[in-house]
Amino acid sequence: MSTSPAEPLRVDVLLHRLCLTKSRSEAKAACEAGAVTLDGRRARPSDTVAAGRHITVNYPSRLLEVELLELPGKSVSKKAARDLYRVLRDENTREEPF
């Protein structure tokens, strides 16, 4: 096994491995719907991501923007995944009734 830096990952794979989506297919659908951006540009599921990139996911009732600190391996726990990114913005986008 080589000890070279991790290869960039596809956006849909990355979102699933970071536990930001429930499945890779959900991540792919989010990209195709325009709900995911990379550094402010609409992301395609096959776009590759490396450490240092800003990823924004527009969930139905939440906007989450993170900075990727490190690429995840193939098997990452939800707790360990949280250490691989830094939350830049986390906003509730659903209007709360008064």
C-alpha atoms as a PDB file:
ATOM      1  CA  MET A   1       0.000   0.000   0.000  1.00  0.00           C
ATOM      2  CA  SER A   2       1.217   3.478  -0.831  1.00  0.00           C
ATOM      3  CA  THR A   3       1.360   6.269   1.713  1.00  0.00           C
ATOM      4  CA  SER A   4       0.735   8.997  -0.868  1.00  0.00           C
ATOM      5  CA  PRO A   5      -1.939  11.616  -0.193  1.00  0.00           C
ATOM      6  CA  ALA A   6      -5.502  10.419  -0.690  1.00  0.00           C
ATOM      7  CA  GLU A   7      -6.883  10.674  -4.196  1.00  0.00           C
ATOM      8  CA  PRO A   8      -9.667  13.219  -4.680  1.00  0.00           C
ATOM      9  CA  LEU A   9     -13.159  11.767  -4.224  1.00  0.00           C
ATOM     10  CA  ARG A  10     -16.342  12.242  -6.232  1.00  0.00           C
ATOM     11  CA  VAL A  11     -18.752  14.698  -4.571  1.00  0.00           C
ATOM     12  CA  ASP A  12     -21.510  12.081  -4.218  1.00  0.00           C
ATOM     13  CA  VAL A  13     -19.110   9.604  -2.560  1.00  0.00           C
ATOM     14  CA  LEU A  14     -17.699  12.309  -0.283  1.00  0.00           C
ATOM     15  CA  LEU A  15     -21.102  13.499   0.970  1.00  0.00           C
ATOM     16  CA  HIS A  16     -22.073   9.943   1.857  1.00  0.00           C
ATOM     17  CA  ARG A  17     -18.755   9.138   3.571  1.00  0.00           C
ATOM     18  CA  LEU A  18     -18.986  12.332   5.639  1.00  0.00           C
ATOM     19  CA  CYS A  19     -22.513  11.259   6.690  1.00  0.00           C
ATOM     20  CA  LEU A  20     -23.980  14.447   5.204  1.00  0.00           C
ATOM     21  CA  THR A  21     -26.410  12.328   3.150  1.00  0.00           C
ATOM     22  CA  LYS A  22     -27.971   8.959   3.970  1.00  0.00           C
ATOM     23  CA  SER A  23     -26.713   7.287   0.796  1.00  0.00           C
ATOM     24  CA  ARG A  24     -24.579   7.897  -2.266  1.00  0.00           C
ATOM     25  CA  SER A  25     -27.721   7.866  -4.427  1.00  0.00           C
ATOM     26  CA  GLU A  26     -29.251  10.605  -2.221  1.00  0.00           C
ATOM     27  CA  ALA A  27     -26.053  12.640  -2.646  1.00  0.00           C
ATOM     28  CA  LYS A  28     -26.165  12.105  -6.425  1.00  0.00           C
ATOM     29  CA  ALA A  29     -29.808  13.225  -6.554  1.00  0.00           C
ATOM     30  CA  ALA A  30     -28.979  16.329  -4.476  1.00  0.00           C
ATOM     31  CA  CYS A  31     -26.190  17.266  -6.919  1.00  0.00           C
ATOM     32  CA  GLU A  32     -28.450  16.700  -9.925  1.00  0.00           C
ATOM     33  CA  ALA A  33     -31.154  18.868  -8.320  1.00  0.00           C
ATOM     34  CA  GLY A  34     -28.672  21.739  -7.874  1.00  0.00           C
ATOM     35  CA  ALA A  35     -28.641  21.513  -4.060  1.00  0.00           C
ATOM     36  CA  VAL A  36     -24.851  21.064  -3.792  1.00  0.00           C
ATOM     37  CA  THR A  37     -22.173  23.626  -4.647  1.00  0.00           C
ATOM     38  CA  LEU A  38     -18.378  23.430  -4.608  1.00  0.00           C
ATOM     39  CA  ASP A  39     -16.683  26.759  -3.911  1.00  0.00           C
ATOM     40  CA  GLY A  40     -19.875  28.532  -5.012  1.00  0.00           C
ATOM     41  CA  ARG A  41     -20.272  26.603  -8.290  1.00  0.00           C
ATOM     42  CA  ARG A  42     -22.997  24.021  -8.881  1.00  0.00           C
ATOM     43  CA  ALA A  43     -21.551  20.541  -8.317  1.00  0.00           C
ATOM     44  CA  ARG A  44     -22.065  17.525 -10.535  1.00  0.00           C
ATOM     45  CA  PRO A  45     -22.017  14.109  -8.819  1.00  0.00           C
ATOM     46  CA  SER A  46     -18.797  13.189 -10.655  1.00  0.00           C
ATOM     47  CA  ASP A  47     -16.880  16.378  -9.728  1.00  0.00           C
ATOM     48  CA  THR A  48     -13.810  15.563  -7.655  1.00  0.00           C
ATOM     49  CA  VAL A  49     -13.145  17.157  -4.295  1.00  0.00           C
ATOM     50  CA  ALA A  50      -9.854  17.652  -2.468  1.00  0.00           C
ATOM     51  CA  ALA A  51      -9.111  19.019   0.997  1.00  0.00           C
ATOM     52  CA  GLY A  52      -9.585  22.769   1.376  1.00  0.00           C
ATOM     53  CA  ARG A  53     -12.713  23.004  -0.796  1.00  0.00           C
ATOM     54  CA  HIS A  54     -15.944  24.611   0.426  1.00  0.00           C
ATOM     55  CA  ILE A  55     -19.063  22.475   0.020  1.00  0.00           C
ATOM     56  CA  THR A  56     -22.585  23.803   0.477  1.00  0.00           C
ATOM     57  CA  VAL A  57     -25.592  21.500   0.767  1.00  0.00           C
ATOM     58  CA  ASN A  58     -29.046  23.047   0.587  1.00  0.00           C
ATOM     59  CA  TYR A  59     -31.291  20.586   2.439  1.00  0.00           C
ATOM     60  CA  PRO A  60     -35.095  21.098   2.373  1.00  0.00           C
ATOM     61  CA  SER A  61     -35.037  22.979   5.712  1.00  0.00           C
ATOM     62  CA  ARG A  62     -31.334  23.617   6.331  1.00  0.00           C
ATOM     63  CA  LEU A  63     -28.351  25.216   4.611  1.00  0.00           C
ATOM     64  CA  LEU A  64     -24.995  23.684   5.525  1.00  0.00           C
ATOM     65  CA  GLU A  65     -21.628  25.025   4.348  1.00  0.00           C
ATOM     66  CA  VAL A  66     -18.458  23.171   5.319  1.00  0.00           C
ATOM     67  CA  GLU A  67     -14.751  23.341   4.578  1.00  0.00           C
ATOM     68  CA  LEU A  68     -13.239  19.932   3.868  1.00  0.00           C
ATOM     69  CA  LEU A  69     -10.183  19.486   6.084  1.00  0.00           C
ATOM     70  CA  GLU A  70      -9.287  15.920   5.138  1.00  0.00           C
ATOM     71  CA  LEU A  71     -10.625  13.259   2.780  1.00  0.00           C
ATOM     72  CA  PRO A  72     -12.398  10.357   4.497  1.00  0.00           C
ATOM     73  CA  GLY A  73     -11.340   6.750   4.087  1.00  0.00           C
ATOM     74  CA  LYS A  74     -13.693   3.997   2.929  1.00  0.00           C
ATOM     75  CA  SER A  75     -15.079   3.244   6.376  1.00  0.00           C
ATOM     76  CA  VAL A  76     -15.562   6.252   8.647  1.00  0.00           C
ATOM     77  CA  SER A  77     -17.794   6.432  11.703  1.00  0.00           C
ATOM     78  CA  LYS A  78     -20.244   9.307  11.962  1.00  0.00           C
ATOM     79  CA  LYS A  79     -18.287  10.665  14.932  1.00  0.00           C
ATOM     80  CA  ALA A  80     -14.930  10.471  13.110  1.00  0.00           C
ATOM     81  CA  ALA A  81     -16.459  12.030   9.968  1.00  0.00           C
ATOM     82  CA  ARG A  82     -17.251  15.222  11.917  1.00  0.00           C
ATOM     83  CA  ASP A  83     -13.517  15.773  12.462  1.00  0.00           C
ATOM     84  CA  LEU A  84     -12.858  15.803   8.703  1.00  0.00           C
ATOM     85  CA  TYR A  85     -14.717  19.055   8.010  1.00  0.00           C
ATOM     86  CA  ARG A  86     -15.298  22.440   9.636  1.00  0.00           C
ATOM     87  CA  VAL A  87     -18.791  23.924   9.640  1.00  0.00           C
ATOM     88  CA  LEU A  88     -18.739  27.449   8.198  1.00  0.00           C
ATOM     89  CA  ARG A  89     -22.500  28.025   8.158  1.00  0.00           C
ATOM     90  CA  ASP A  90     -25.468  26.016   9.434  1.00  0.00           C
ATOM     91  CA  GLU A  91     -28.795  27.804   9.014  1.00  0.00           C
ATOM     92  CA  ASN A  92     -32.363  26.678   9.470  1.00  0.00           C
ATOM     93  CA  THR A  93     -34.157  27.743   6.279  1.00  0.00           C
ATOM     94  CA  ARG A  94     -37.639  26.743   7.327  1.00  0.00           C
ATOM     95  CA  GLU A  95     -39.786  29.595   8.602  1.00  0.00           C
ATOM     96  CA  GLU A  96     -40.827  29.087  12.199  1.00  0.00           C
ATOM     97  CA  PRO A  97     -44.428  30.018  13.082  1.00  0.00           C
ATOM     98  CA  PHE A  98     -44.859  32.715  15.706  1.00  0.00           C
END
